[in-house]
Amino acid sequence: MGDGTSGAGIRAVNGLTARWARTVAADDGTVFSAAGVWPLLAFLADGAAGRARAELSEALGVPADVAAAAARQLLAEMASVTGLDAALGLWTQQSLRLRDDWRAGLPAGTYGTFGDDLLTAQERLDAWAAERTGGLVERMPLKLTRDAQVVLASALSLRTTWRQPFTETPLRPEHGPWQGRTLLGLFRRSVRPDRVGVAATPDGHVTALTVPGDNGIDVHLVLGEEGMTPGQVITAGVGLVERTLPVTEGGRLPLGHVGPGLHVEQRPSASPEPIALDVRTVAYEVRADHDLLADPPLYGLPTTPRAHFPGIADAPLTIGAARQSAVAQFSAKGFRAGAVTAVAATPGSAPPRLAHTTTVLTLTYDRPFAFLTTTRSPRLLLTSGWVTAPTPYPAMHLTPARTS
């Protein structure tokens, strides 16, 4: 991911992530992928005209004239990252004739057709979604209708294994919305205090932990001050990922309570030991479905029934449906996520006395927090979300570990 075209695409995807984050509801866990939406918007912009072309270009953050090239480059480079698969699919009604120049701009091997047997066609589309996400997303997020003329879809699937796995342990928060529940806690001690940092934002302080995978994919867990909204915390996470938000790394933090969920103290030690970072978080699985037409301006999607895409086909077309289905799973061993986004065009109209001391940073995620998944270099945001319903601990007979 190195040239100017891909750089513009990365900045644009991250920008769309930040804008989307502001719409996340406070009470619901969610996961979304701007990287799954952006290429679709780019190809739509390439075939749009008039006001629709201008609005899509504004939402994309790049001119419509270069959008398709940026999308092709972004998809190709995402697909080149180990553990990250990205695909585009296009299906049209058999009788619809696409404009050759627009179709030629799509990646090779993306085109198919469907006829009047919508049940069989839907099964094919659902199978494509499941195959392209390794079964994480089992079906296409939208249903074919008699009016559907074009279905343009993207699939994103990522997986990584932690370089240093966590140990599963019961976790029972004593405060906050998870109070009284026994959760599937994850614990890990490391000697990399630089993996955690604290930042100040206009909305409050946040603590962020980077959990590196073994294949160039990282997951960032971001905990905000109590009272901060999901949107504020995820937006702070975007600033941290893009390094536009100043951060004080763990090794430079003073003793005491230094950030949300983070405490620094000195403990007795039998021998000189390096500074340690103890992390307690939770396992989680988050699933969400998004109707992109519920907030059309965010994505630059036209909502009027008149034709907006003369560059795609001779027949008049408008947007009839636009949806995304996404899932994210965080466990002791690694992380998996998948997202399928689809747009349908219809006809227009997480003792003994001792001689030495060691500094220990203790970080605990025992209330709702944000997560952001990125490629390591450059930092392209792949999936983002908010955790409100962590995985319960399966064996209730063990004495739970308490947090304070």
Protein backbone atom coordinates (compact mmCIF):
# COMPACT_ATOMS: atom_id res chain seq x y z
CA MET A 1 0.00 0.00 0.00
CA GLY A 2 2.36 2.66 -1.14
CA ASP A 3 1.35 4.98 -3.99
CA GLY A 4 -0.66 8.17 -3.93
CA THR A 5 -3.86 6.52 -5.13
CA SER A 6 -3.91 3.95 -2.34
CA GLY A 7 -2.87 6.63 0.19
CA ALA A 8 -5.85 8.74 -0.78
CA GLY A 9 -8.10 5.71 -0.47
CA ILE A 10 -6.77 4.87 2.99
CA ARG A 11 -7.31 8.43 4.23
CA ALA A 12 -10.77 8.44 2.76
CA VAL A 13 -11.77 5.09 4.32
CA ASN A 14 -10.49 6.21 7.72
CA GLY A 15 -12.40 9.47 7.36
CA LEU A 16 -15.63 7.60 6.57
CA THR A 17 -14.98 5.41 9.65
CA ALA A 18 -14.78 8.53 11.84
CA ARG A 19 -18.02 9.94 10.41
CA TRP A 20 -19.83 6.60 10.75
CA ALA A 21 -18.63 6.30 14.39
CA ARG A 22 -20.60 9.42 15.31
CA THR A 23 -23.84 7.64 14.47
CA VAL A 24 -23.27 4.64 16.81
CA ALA A 25 -26.01 4.30 19.43
CA ALA A 26 -24.94 4.32 23.11
CA ASP A 27 -26.84 1.22 24.22
CA ASP A 28 -26.06 -1.23 21.46
CA GLY A 29 -22.99 -3.29 20.65
CA THR A 30 -22.06 -3.00 17.00
CA VAL A 31 -19.44 -3.63 14.35
CA PHE A 32 -19.08 -1.90 11.00
CA SER A 33 -16.63 -1.68 8.14
CA ALA A 34 -16.15 1.51 6.17
CA ALA A 35 -13.53 -0.40 4.17
CA GLY A 36 -16.38 -2.62 2.96
CA VAL A 37 -18.60 0.29 1.93
CA TRP A 38 -16.09 2.65 0.36
CA PRO A 39 -15.22 0.65 -2.79
CA LEU A 40 -18.91 0.26 -3.64
CA LEU A 41 -19.49 3.99 -3.32
CA ALA A 42 -16.43 4.59 -5.50
CA PHE A 43 -17.72 2.42 -8.36
CA LEU A 44 -21.17 3.98 -8.05
CA ALA A 45 -19.60 7.46 -8.25
CA ASP A 46 -17.80 6.39 -11.42
CA GLY A 47 -21.15 5.74 -13.08
CA ALA A 48 -23.14 8.58 -11.51
CA ALA A 49 -24.03 11.95 -12.92
CA GLY A 50 -25.18 15.32 -11.68
CA ARG A 51 -25.92 15.88 -8.02
CA ALA A 52 -25.54 12.18 -7.17
CA ARG A 53 -21.99 12.20 -8.55
CA ALA A 54 -21.12 15.30 -6.50
CA GLU A 55 -22.63 13.88 -3.27
CA LEU A 56 -20.91 10.53 -3.69
CA SER A 57 -17.60 12.29 -4.35
CA GLU A 58 -18.02 14.36 -1.17
CA ALA A 59 -18.82 11.25 0.91
CA LEU A 60 -15.89 9.37 -0.64
CA GLY A 61 -13.37 12.15 0.02
CA VAL A 62 -11.89 11.80 -3.49
CA PRO A 63 -13.03 13.12 -6.88
CA ALA A 64 -15.40 10.85 -8.74
CA ASP A 65 -13.06 10.85 -11.73
CA VAL A 66 -10.39 8.90 -9.79
CA ALA A 67 -12.70 6.95 -7.46
CA ALA A 68 -12.81 3.72 -9.47
CA ALA A 69 -9.02 3.60 -9.85
CA ALA A 70 -8.59 4.23 -6.09
CA ALA A 71 -11.11 1.48 -5.32
CA ARG A 72 -9.37 -1.05 -7.58
CA GLN A 73 -6.03 -0.24 -5.99
CA LEU A 74 -7.46 -0.47 -2.47
CA LEU A 75 -9.13 -3.83 -3.10
CA ALA A 76 -5.99 -5.27 -4.69
CA GLU A 77 -3.75 -4.12 -1.85
CA MET A 78 -6.14 -5.35 0.85
CA ALA A 79 -6.23 -8.74 -0.84
CA SER A 80 -2.39 -8.81 -0.76
CA VAL A 81 -2.30 -8.65 3.08
CA THR A 82 -1.90 -12.08 4.71
CA GLY A 83 -5.07 -12.93 6.64
CA LEU A 84 -7.13 -10.29 4.84
CA ASP A 85 -9.41 -11.15 1.94
CA ALA A 86 -11.33 -8.57 -0.04
CA ALA A 87 -13.62 -9.27 -2.98
CA LEU A 88 -16.09 -7.48 -5.21
CA GLY A 89 -19.10 -9.04 -6.88
CA LEU A 90 -21.47 -7.69 -9.54
CA TRP A 91 -24.67 -9.36 -10.74
CA THR A 92 -27.15 -7.91 -13.18
CA GLN A 93 -30.54 -8.88 -14.52
CA GLN A 94 -29.95 -10.87 -17.70
CA SER A 95 -31.68 -8.35 -19.90
CA LEU A 96 -29.73 -5.33 -18.61
CA ARG A 97 -26.91 -4.06 -20.79
CA LEU A 98 -24.04 -2.44 -18.87
CA ARG A 99 -21.92 0.28 -20.38
CA ASP A 100 -18.66 -1.32 -21.52
CA ASP A 101 -16.40 1.40 -20.14
CA TRP A 102 -17.95 1.19 -16.63
CA ARG A 103 -17.83 -2.62 -16.55
CA ALA A 104 -14.21 -2.55 -17.79
CA GLY A 105 -13.30 -0.48 -14.72
CA LEU A 106 -14.30 -3.28 -12.34
CA PRO A 107 -11.76 -5.89 -11.11
CA ALA A 108 -11.64 -9.00 -13.28
CA GLY A 109 -13.85 -11.96 -12.40
CA THR A 110 -16.54 -10.00 -10.62
CA TYR A 111 -19.43 -10.27 -13.07
CA GLY A 112 -22.46 -12.56 -13.11
CA THR A 113 -26.14 -12.44 -14.06
CA PHE A 114 -29.49 -13.55 -12.66
CA GLY A 115 -32.81 -14.24 -14.25
CA ASP A 116 -36.41 -14.59 -13.11
CA ASP A 117 -35.64 -17.44 -10.68
CA LEU A 118 -34.90 -15.17 -7.71
CA LEU A 119 -34.77 -18.04 -5.20
CA THR A 120 -31.87 -19.71 -7.01
CA ALA A 121 -30.17 -16.36 -7.58
CA GLN A 122 -30.50 -15.48 -3.88
CA GLU A 123 -28.93 -18.83 -2.95
CA ARG A 124 -25.98 -18.05 -5.22
CA LEU A 125 -25.51 -14.60 -3.69
CA ASP A 126 -25.77 -15.98 -0.14
CA ALA A 127 -23.23 -18.69 -0.96
CA TRP A 128 -20.86 -16.02 -2.32
CA ALA A 129 -21.15 -14.02 0.93
CA ALA A 130 -20.50 -17.09 3.10
CA GLU A 131 -17.58 -18.30 0.99
CA ARG A 132 -15.90 -14.90 0.85
CA THR A 133 -16.09 -14.42 4.65
CA GLY A 134 -15.19 -17.96 5.70
CA GLY A 135 -18.74 -18.53 6.93
CA LEU A 136 -18.76 -15.55 9.31
CA VAL A 137 -21.47 -13.79 7.29
CA GLU A 138 -23.84 -16.50 6.15
CA ARG A 139 -25.92 -14.57 3.64
CA MET A 140 -26.08 -11.46 1.52
CA PRO A 141 -27.42 -8.51 3.58
CA LEU A 142 -30.18 -7.77 1.09
CA LYS A 143 -32.86 -9.80 -0.66
CA LEU A 144 -33.38 -9.80 -4.40
CA THR A 145 -36.67 -8.36 -5.57
CA ARG A 146 -38.38 -8.29 -8.93
CA ASP A 147 -37.28 -4.68 -9.35
CA ALA A 148 -33.57 -5.43 -8.84
CA GLN A 149 -31.52 -4.73 -11.92
CA VAL A 150 -27.98 -4.56 -10.47
CA VAL A 151 -26.44 -5.93 -7.24
CA LEU A 152 -22.96 -4.62 -6.42
CA ALA A 153 -21.39 -6.22 -3.32
CA SER A 154 -18.13 -6.28 -1.41
CA ALA A 155 -16.89 -8.91 1.07
CA LEU A 156 -14.18 -8.38 3.64
CA SER A 157 -12.74 -11.15 5.80
CA LEU A 158 -9.84 -10.90 8.22
CA ARG A 159 -8.20 -13.21 10.72
CA THR A 160 -5.12 -12.97 12.89
CA THR A 161 -3.51 -14.99 15.68
CA TRP A 162 -2.05 -13.15 18.65
CA ARG A 163 1.75 -13.13 18.85
CA GLN A 164 1.24 -13.70 22.58
CA PRO A 165 -2.03 -15.43 23.47
CA PHE A 166 -4.22 -14.58 26.44
CA THR A 167 -5.17 -16.95 29.25
CA GLU A 168 -8.88 -17.52 29.80
CA THR A 169 -10.08 -16.70 33.31
CA PRO A 170 -13.43 -15.83 34.89
CA LEU A 171 -13.91 -12.09 35.36
CA ARG A 172 -16.61 -10.57 37.57
CA PRO A 173 -16.82 -6.76 37.44
CA GLU A 174 -17.84 -5.07 40.69
CA HIS A 175 -18.94 -1.82 39.07
CA GLY A 176 -20.63 -0.59 35.91
CA PRO A 177 -23.11 -2.20 33.52
CA TRP A 178 -21.39 -5.62 33.70
CA GLN A 179 -21.52 -5.71 37.51
CA GLY A 180 -22.48 -9.10 38.95
CA ARG A 181 -21.90 -11.03 35.72
CA THR A 182 -19.25 -13.73 35.34
CA LEU A 183 -17.55 -13.10 32.03
CA LEU A 184 -15.05 -14.97 29.93
CA GLY A 185 -12.05 -12.87 30.93
CA LEU A 186 -8.74 -12.84 29.11
CA PHE A 187 -5.44 -12.13 30.92
CA ARG A 188 -1.97 -11.45 29.57
CA ARG A 189 1.29 -10.11 31.08
CA SER A 190 3.89 -8.57 28.80
CA VAL A 191 7.03 -6.45 29.06
CA ARG A 192 5.86 -4.06 26.33
CA PRO A 193 4.40 -1.02 28.14
CA ASP A 194 4.50 0.85 24.85
CA ARG A 195 1.51 -1.24 23.71
CA VAL A 196 -0.69 0.95 25.91
CA GLY A 197 -1.13 4.71 25.90
CA VAL A 198 -3.33 7.46 27.25
CA ALA A 199 -4.61 10.40 25.24
CA ALA A 200 -6.66 13.50 26.00
CA THR A 201 -9.52 14.41 23.67
CA PRO A 202 -12.03 17.26 23.79
CA ASP A 203 -14.56 14.73 25.09
CA GLY A 204 -12.36 13.13 27.81
CA HIS A 205 -9.38 10.84 28.25
CA VAL A 206 -9.05 7.46 26.56
CA THR A 207 -6.77 4.49 27.17
CA ALA A 208 -5.79 2.43 24.14
CA LEU A 209 -4.14 -0.97 23.88
CA THR A 210 -2.67 -2.39 20.69
CA VAL A 211 -2.90 -6.18 20.40
CA PRO A 212 -0.65 -7.21 17.49
CA GLY A 213 -1.47 -10.18 15.33
CA ASP A 214 1.10 -12.40 13.64
CA ASN A 215 0.34 -11.29 10.10
CA GLY A 216 0.40 -7.50 9.95
CA ILE A 217 -3.09 -6.97 11.40
CA ASP A 218 -3.57 -5.20 14.75
CA VAL A 219 -6.59 -4.79 17.02
CA HIS A 220 -6.85 -1.64 19.12
CA LEU A 221 -8.99 -1.70 22.28
CA VAL A 222 -10.05 1.78 23.39
CA LEU A 223 -11.62 2.58 26.78
CA GLY A 224 -13.01 6.04 27.39
CA GLU A 225 -13.97 7.90 30.52
CA GLU A 226 -17.34 6.97 31.93
CA GLY A 227 -19.93 9.10 30.24
CA MET A 228 -18.21 9.27 26.85
CA THR A 229 -20.38 8.04 24.00
CA PRO A 230 -19.42 5.17 21.68
CA GLY A 231 -18.97 7.66 18.87
CA GLN A 232 -16.59 9.80 20.92
CA VAL A 233 -14.49 6.77 21.92
CA ILE A 234 -14.34 5.28 18.41
CA THR A 235 -13.51 8.69 16.95
CA ALA A 236 -10.65 8.99 19.47
CA GLY A 237 -9.54 5.55 18.31
CA VAL A 238 -9.39 6.78 14.72
CA GLY A 239 -7.18 9.68 15.85
CA LEU A 240 -4.90 7.25 17.68
CA VAL A 241 -4.67 4.96 14.67
CA GLU A 242 -3.86 7.85 12.36
CA ARG A 243 -1.46 9.31 14.95
CA THR A 244 -3.14 12.70 14.87
CA LEU A 245 -3.92 12.45 18.60
CA PRO A 246 -0.91 12.89 20.98
CA VAL A 247 -0.37 9.82 23.20
CA THR A 248 1.60 9.27 26.39
CA GLU A 249 2.93 5.72 26.19
CA GLY A 250 2.84 3.36 29.17
CA GLY A 251 6.56 3.56 29.98
CA ARG A 252 6.32 7.33 30.49
CA LEU A 253 3.23 7.37 32.71
CA PRO A 254 3.49 8.35 36.42
CA LEU A 255 2.34 6.20 39.33
CA GLY A 256 -1.34 6.14 40.19
CA HIS A 257 -4.59 6.11 38.23
CA VAL A 258 -3.40 7.49 34.94
CA GLY A 259 -6.24 6.84 32.50
CA PRO A 260 -9.53 5.00 32.09
CA GLY A 261 -9.04 1.45 33.40
CA LEU A 262 -5.28 1.97 33.81
CA HIS A 263 -3.30 2.01 37.09
CA VAL A 264 0.49 2.22 37.55
CA GLU A 265 2.11 1.00 40.78
CA GLN A 266 5.36 -0.35 42.19
CA ARG A 267 5.33 -3.87 43.60
CA PRO A 268 7.93 -5.83 45.65
CA SER A 269 10.10 -8.09 43.57
CA ALA A 270 12.71 -10.78 44.42
CA SER A 271 15.02 -9.53 41.67
CA PRO A 272 15.24 -6.58 39.27
CA GLU A 273 12.54 -6.97 36.64
CA PRO A 274 11.50 -4.86 33.66
CA ILE A 275 8.30 -2.83 33.72
CA ALA A 276 5.32 -5.09 33.15
CA LEU A 277 1.90 -4.61 31.58
CA ASP A 278 -0.96 -6.73 32.94
CA VAL A 279 -4.06 -6.69 30.75
CA ARG A 280 -7.48 -8.02 31.66
CA THR A 281 -10.13 -7.84 29.02
CA VAL A 282 -13.06 -9.94 27.83
CA ALA A 283 -13.81 -12.26 24.95
CA TYR A 284 -16.61 -11.05 22.70
CA GLU A 285 -18.59 -11.64 19.56
CA VAL A 286 -20.42 -8.72 18.01
CA ARG A 287 -22.83 -8.91 15.08
CA ALA A 288 -24.68 -6.07 13.40
CA ASP A 289 -26.76 -5.26 10.35
CA HIS A 290 -26.81 -1.75 8.92
CA ASP A 291 -29.29 -0.11 6.57
CA LEU A 292 -27.15 2.43 4.74
CA LEU A 293 -30.22 4.19 3.40
CA ALA A 294 -31.20 5.10 6.99
CA ASP A 295 -28.57 7.88 6.73
CA PRO A 296 -28.01 8.50 3.01
CA PRO A 297 -25.93 11.72 3.34
CA LEU A 298 -23.27 9.85 5.34
CA TYR A 299 -22.55 7.70 2.29
CA GLY A 300 -23.57 10.16 -0.41
CA LEU A 301 -26.35 7.84 -1.61
CA PRO A 302 -29.18 9.39 -3.61
CA THR A 303 -32.70 8.71 -2.36
CA THR A 304 -34.90 10.20 -5.05
CA PRO A 305 -36.43 7.73 -7.51
CA ARG A 306 -35.12 9.43 -10.61
CA ALA A 307 -32.19 7.95 -12.54
CA HIS A 308 -28.72 8.86 -11.22
CA PHE A 309 -26.33 6.42 -12.92
CA PRO A 310 -26.26 6.92 -16.68
CA GLY A 311 -22.61 5.80 -16.71
CA ILE A 312 -23.53 2.26 -15.56
CA ALA A 313 -26.22 1.25 -18.03
CA ASP A 314 -28.45 2.58 -20.75
CA ALA A 315 -31.50 1.84 -18.61
CA PRO A 316 -32.33 4.41 -15.91
CA LEU A 317 -31.15 3.24 -12.45
CA THR A 318 -31.47 4.45 -8.87
CA ILE A 319 -30.58 2.96 -5.44
CA GLY A 320 -33.27 0.63 -4.15
CA ALA A 321 -31.40 -0.89 -1.15
CA ALA A 322 -27.98 -0.64 0.52
CA ARG A 323 -27.06 -2.77 3.53
CA GLN A 324 -24.11 -4.24 5.45
CA SER A 325 -23.87 -7.32 7.69
CA ALA A 326 -20.76 -7.57 9.89
CA VAL A 327 -19.36 -9.78 12.66
CA ALA A 328 -16.26 -9.59 14.91
CA GLN A 329 -14.90 -12.24 17.29
CA PHE A 330 -12.14 -11.59 19.89
CA SER A 331 -10.76 -14.64 21.75
CA ALA A 332 -7.73 -15.82 23.75
CA LYS A 333 -5.96 -16.91 20.57
CA GLY A 334 -6.90 -14.31 17.99
CA PHE A 335 -9.43 -12.20 16.13
CA ARG A 336 -11.76 -12.84 13.20
CA ALA A 337 -14.10 -10.49 11.41
CA GLY A 338 -16.18 -10.41 8.28
CA ALA A 339 -18.39 -7.89 6.52
CA VAL A 340 -20.54 -8.06 3.42
CA THR A 341 -21.94 -4.88 1.93
CA ALA A 342 -24.42 -4.81 -0.92
CA VAL A 343 -26.15 -2.16 -2.97
CA ALA A 344 -29.09 -2.93 -5.23
CA ALA A 345 -29.98 -0.67 -8.10
CA THR A 346 -33.57 -0.64 -9.27
CA PRO A 347 -35.26 1.12 -12.17
CA GLY A 348 -35.03 4.87 -11.72
CA SER A 349 -38.04 6.72 -10.99
CA ALA A 350 -11.32 -6.09 24.34
CA PRO A 351 4.86 -12.38 51.74
CA PRO A 352 8.54 -12.41 52.34
CA ARG A 353 10.50 -9.18 52.54
CA LEU A 354 11.88 -8.43 49.10
CA ALA A 355 14.84 -6.21 48.14
CA HIS A 356 13.56 -4.87 44.80
CA THR A 357 10.51 -3.29 43.28
CA THR A 358 9.06 -3.47 39.80
CA THR A 359 6.64 -1.16 38.06
CA VAL A 360 3.42 -2.79 36.90
CA LEU A 361 0.77 -1.25 34.68
CA THR A 362 -2.62 -2.86 35.20
CA LEU A 363 -5.21 -2.32 32.48
CA THR A 364 -8.75 -3.63 32.88
CA TYR A 365 -11.61 -3.58 30.38
CA ASP A 366 -14.65 -4.33 32.55
CA ARG A 367 -17.21 -2.01 30.96
CA PRO A 368 -18.16 -1.16 27.37
CA PHE A 369 -15.29 -0.22 25.07
CA ALA A 370 -14.41 0.28 21.43
CA PHE A 371 -12.29 -1.79 19.09
CA LEU A 372 -10.66 -0.90 15.80
CA THR A 373 -8.90 -3.33 13.45
CA THR A 374 -6.15 -2.08 11.16
CA THR A 375 -3.43 -3.18 8.84
CA ARG A 376 -0.12 -2.37 10.56
CA SER A 377 1.50 -0.33 7.83
CA PRO A 378 -0.06 1.74 6.56
CA ARG A 379 -2.86 1.95 9.10
CA LEU A 380 -6.00 1.23 7.10
CA LEU A 381 -9.09 0.84 9.29
CA LEU A 382 -10.83 -2.42 8.42
CA THR A 383 -13.51 -2.88 11.08
CA SER A 384 -14.61 -0.85 14.09
CA GLY A 385 -17.17 -1.39 16.80
CA TRP A 386 -18.48 -1.13 20.32
CA VAL A 387 -18.64 -4.00 22.86
CA THR A 388 -21.63 -4.09 25.24
CA ALA A 389 -22.29 -7.83 25.57
CA PRO A 390 -19.07 -9.78 26.28
CA THR A 391 -19.02 -13.57 26.23
CA PRO A 392 -20.20 -15.16 29.53
CA TYR A 393 -17.87 -17.54 31.32
CA PRO A 394 -19.08 -21.10 30.59
CA ALA A 395 -18.11 -22.78 33.92
CA MET A 396 -19.96 -21.09 36.78
CA HIS A 397 -18.51 -23.24 39.58
CA LEU A 398 -15.11 -21.50 39.60
CA THR A 399 -14.40 -18.61 41.95
CA PRO A 400 -14.45 -15.47 39.80
CA ALA A 401 -11.57 -13.03 39.63
CA ARG A 402 -12.75 -9.64 40.86
CA THR A 403 -11.90 -6.24 39.58
CA SER A 404 -11.85 -3.07 41.57
